[in-house]
N, C-alpha and C. Protein backbone atom coordinates (compact mmCIF):
# COMPACT_ATOMS: atom_id res chain seq x y z
N MET A 1 0.89 -1.27 -0.05
CA MET A 1 -0.16 0.10 0.01
C MET A 1 0.98 1.24 -0.05
N SER A 2 0.84 2.11 -1.06
CA SER A 2 1.56 3.36 -0.98
C SER A 2 0.66 4.49 -0.42
N ARG A 3 1.40 5.27 0.39
CA ARG A 3 0.77 6.49 0.92
C ARG A 3 0.98 7.71 0.06
N PHE A 4 0.20 8.67 0.33
CA PHE A 4 0.17 9.77 -0.59
C PHE A 4 1.31 10.72 0.11
N TYR A 5 2.26 10.85 -0.64
CA TYR A 5 3.43 11.87 -0.01
C TYR A 5 3.24 13.12 -0.83
N ARG A 6 3.38 14.24 -0.29
CA ARG A 6 3.19 15.44 -0.94
C ARG A 6 4.58 15.86 -1.53
N TYR A 7 5.54 15.29 -1.07
CA TYR A 7 6.98 15.75 -1.56
C TYR A 7 7.41 14.72 -2.69
N ARG A 8 6.64 13.57 -3.02
CA ARG A 8 6.96 12.92 -4.26
C ARG A 8 6.14 13.51 -5.48
N LEU A 9 5.53 14.53 -5.28
CA LEU A 9 4.89 15.12 -6.42
C LEU A 9 5.61 16.13 -7.24
N PRO A 10 5.37 16.29 -8.61
CA PRO A 10 6.34 17.37 -9.17
C PRO A 10 6.09 18.72 -8.63
N PRO A 11 7.22 19.50 -8.83
CA PRO A 11 7.14 20.92 -8.12
C PRO A 11 6.04 21.67 -8.62
N TRP A 12 5.55 21.59 -9.64
CA TRP A 12 4.35 22.55 -10.00
C TRP A 12 3.08 21.98 -9.32
N CYS A 13 2.94 20.84 -8.94
CA CYS A 13 1.83 20.30 -8.18
C CYS A 13 1.98 20.69 -6.83
N ARG A 14 3.06 20.63 -6.26
CA ARG A 14 3.35 21.02 -4.79
C ARG A 14 3.18 22.50 -4.78
N ASN A 15 3.45 23.32 -5.83
CA ASN A 15 3.12 24.73 -5.63
C ASN A 15 1.67 24.93 -5.64
N TRP A 16 0.93 24.28 -6.40
CA TRP A 16 -0.68 24.37 -6.55
C TRP A 16 -1.09 24.04 -5.15
N LEU A 17 -0.73 22.89 -4.46
CA LEU A 17 -1.14 22.53 -3.29
C LEU A 17 -0.90 23.57 -2.29
N TYR A 18 0.27 24.27 -2.18
CA TYR A 18 0.63 25.24 -1.27
C TYR A 18 -0.37 26.49 -1.48
N VAL A 19 -0.69 26.77 -2.64
CA VAL A 19 -1.55 27.86 -3.01
C VAL A 19 -2.92 27.66 -2.50
N ILE A 20 -3.49 26.54 -2.71
CA ILE A 20 -4.64 26.12 -2.30
C ILE A 20 -4.80 26.09 -0.72
N GLU A 21 -3.82 25.56 -0.18
CA GLU A 21 -3.73 25.42 1.23
C GLU A 21 -3.77 26.94 1.78
N LYS A 22 -3.09 27.75 1.44
CA LYS A 22 -2.97 29.11 1.92
C LYS A 22 -4.28 29.85 1.80
N SER A 23 -5.08 29.60 0.83
CA SER A 23 -6.16 30.31 0.25
C SER A 23 -7.38 29.73 0.98
N MET A 24 -7.35 28.61 1.67
CA MET A 24 -8.71 27.94 2.21
C MET A 24 -9.18 28.65 3.25
N LEU A 25 -8.42 29.38 4.12
CA LEU A 25 -8.86 29.98 5.49
C LEU A 25 -9.72 31.23 4.95
N PRO A 26 -9.37 32.08 4.16
CA PRO A 26 -10.37 33.25 3.60
C PRO A 26 -11.61 32.72 3.02
N ILE A 27 -11.48 31.72 2.14
CA ILE A 27 -12.69 31.07 1.61
C ILE A 27 -13.48 30.34 2.60
N VAL A 28 -13.19 29.85 3.77
CA VAL A 28 -13.90 29.30 4.88
C VAL A 28 -14.58 30.57 5.55
N ILE A 29 -13.85 31.53 5.74
CA ILE A 29 -14.55 32.68 6.46
C ILE A 29 -15.75 33.20 5.59
N PHE A 30 -15.31 33.58 4.25
CA PHE A 30 -16.29 34.30 3.58
C PHE A 30 -17.42 33.30 3.36
N GLN A 31 -17.38 32.01 3.09
CA GLN A 31 -18.45 31.13 3.05
C GLN A 31 -19.19 31.06 4.42
N ALA A 32 -18.61 31.23 5.38
CA ALA A 32 -19.39 31.04 6.78
C ALA A 32 -20.23 32.37 6.91
N ILE A 33 -19.69 33.50 6.50
CA ILE A 33 -20.44 34.66 6.70
C ILE A 33 -21.61 34.83 5.57
N ARG A 34 -21.43 34.23 4.28
CA ARG A 34 -22.41 34.12 3.43
C ARG A 34 -23.44 33.21 3.97
N THR A 35 -23.13 32.17 4.44
CA THR A 35 -24.23 31.03 5.08
C THR A 35 -24.97 31.65 6.12
N LEU A 36 -24.38 32.56 6.96
CA LEU A 36 -25.07 33.18 8.06
C LEU A 36 -26.03 34.22 7.39
N ILE A 37 -25.66 34.85 6.43
CA ILE A 37 -26.47 35.88 5.74
C ILE A 37 -27.75 35.14 4.90
N PHE A 38 -27.34 34.39 3.94
CA PHE A 38 -28.12 33.66 3.18
C PHE A 38 -28.22 32.29 3.40
N PRO A 39 -28.78 31.71 4.32
CA PRO A 39 -28.78 30.12 4.62
C PRO A 39 -29.64 29.44 3.63
N THR A 40 -28.98 28.92 2.57
CA THR A 40 -29.71 28.00 1.56
C THR A 40 -28.88 26.67 1.73
N THR A 41 -29.73 25.62 1.21
CA THR A 41 -29.14 24.39 1.30
C THR A 41 -27.67 24.16 0.61
N PHE A 42 -27.75 24.91 -0.54
CA PHE A 42 -26.42 24.80 -1.38
C PHE A 42 -25.17 25.46 -0.58
N ASP A 43 -25.60 26.60 0.21
CA ASP A 43 -24.56 27.21 0.91
C ASP A 43 -24.20 26.35 2.08
N ILE A 44 -25.13 25.75 2.83
CA ILE A 44 -24.63 24.90 3.94
C ILE A 44 -23.75 23.70 3.54
N PHE A 45 -24.30 23.07 2.17
CA PHE A 45 -23.35 21.98 1.79
C PHE A 45 -21.94 22.50 1.25
N LEU A 46 -21.79 23.66 0.66
CA LEU A 46 -20.63 24.27 0.20
C LEU A 46 -19.82 24.65 1.34
N LEU A 47 -20.24 25.06 2.53
CA LEU A 47 -19.55 25.44 3.57
C LEU A 47 -18.87 24.09 4.11
N GLY A 48 -19.61 23.07 4.27
CA GLY A 48 -19.26 21.79 4.78
C GLY A 48 -18.16 21.33 3.80
N LEU A 49 -18.30 21.37 2.64
CA LEU A 49 -17.17 20.85 1.65
C LEU A 49 -15.86 21.66 2.00
N VAL A 50 -15.99 23.02 1.95
CA VAL A 50 -14.96 23.94 2.02
C VAL A 50 -14.22 23.60 3.46
N LEU A 51 -15.08 23.45 4.57
CA LEU A 51 -14.63 23.29 5.97
C LEU A 51 -13.84 21.91 5.91
N GLY A 52 -14.23 20.94 5.30
CA GLY A 52 -13.71 19.56 5.18
C GLY A 52 -12.37 19.66 4.43
N ILE A 53 -12.27 20.30 3.27
CA ILE A 53 -11.02 20.50 2.65
C ILE A 53 -9.99 21.19 3.49
N PHE A 54 -10.40 22.33 4.12
CA PHE A 54 -9.58 23.03 5.18
C PHE A 54 -9.13 22.23 6.02
N LEU A 55 -9.89 21.37 6.81
CA LEU A 55 -9.46 20.58 7.98
C LEU A 55 -8.43 19.43 7.33
N ALA A 56 -8.62 18.98 6.27
CA ALA A 56 -7.95 17.91 5.55
C ALA A 56 -6.48 18.62 5.47
N PHE A 57 -6.32 19.84 5.10
CA PHE A 57 -5.01 20.50 4.83
C PHE A 57 -4.50 20.79 6.21
N LYS A 58 -5.27 21.17 7.18
CA LYS A 58 -4.71 21.33 8.67
C LYS A 58 -4.10 20.39 9.33
N TYR A 59 -4.87 19.22 9.13
CA TYR A 59 -4.41 18.02 9.80
C TYR A 59 -3.62 16.97 9.01
N LYS A 60 -3.13 17.59 7.90
CA LYS A 60 -2.10 16.91 6.91
C LYS A 60 -2.71 15.59 6.37
N TRP A 61 -4.09 15.70 6.07
CA TRP A 61 -4.63 14.49 5.48
C TRP A 61 -4.31 14.45 3.97
N LEU A 62 -4.14 15.83 3.47
CA LEU A 62 -3.84 15.99 1.96
C LEU A 62 -2.40 16.58 1.91
């Protein structure tokens, strides 16, 4: 079983992961505010998805 190692990826892919990782917190904050103002089913689903991706980066699952 091979694990996913970030450092085995090509440099351009590692750069994209770094950019996505650093931009997730502002996106989570924006989506949380938007969900509080306009609580639709899609916004709640999108907040859960974005929050899941943020937590995956925070706890090094990705």
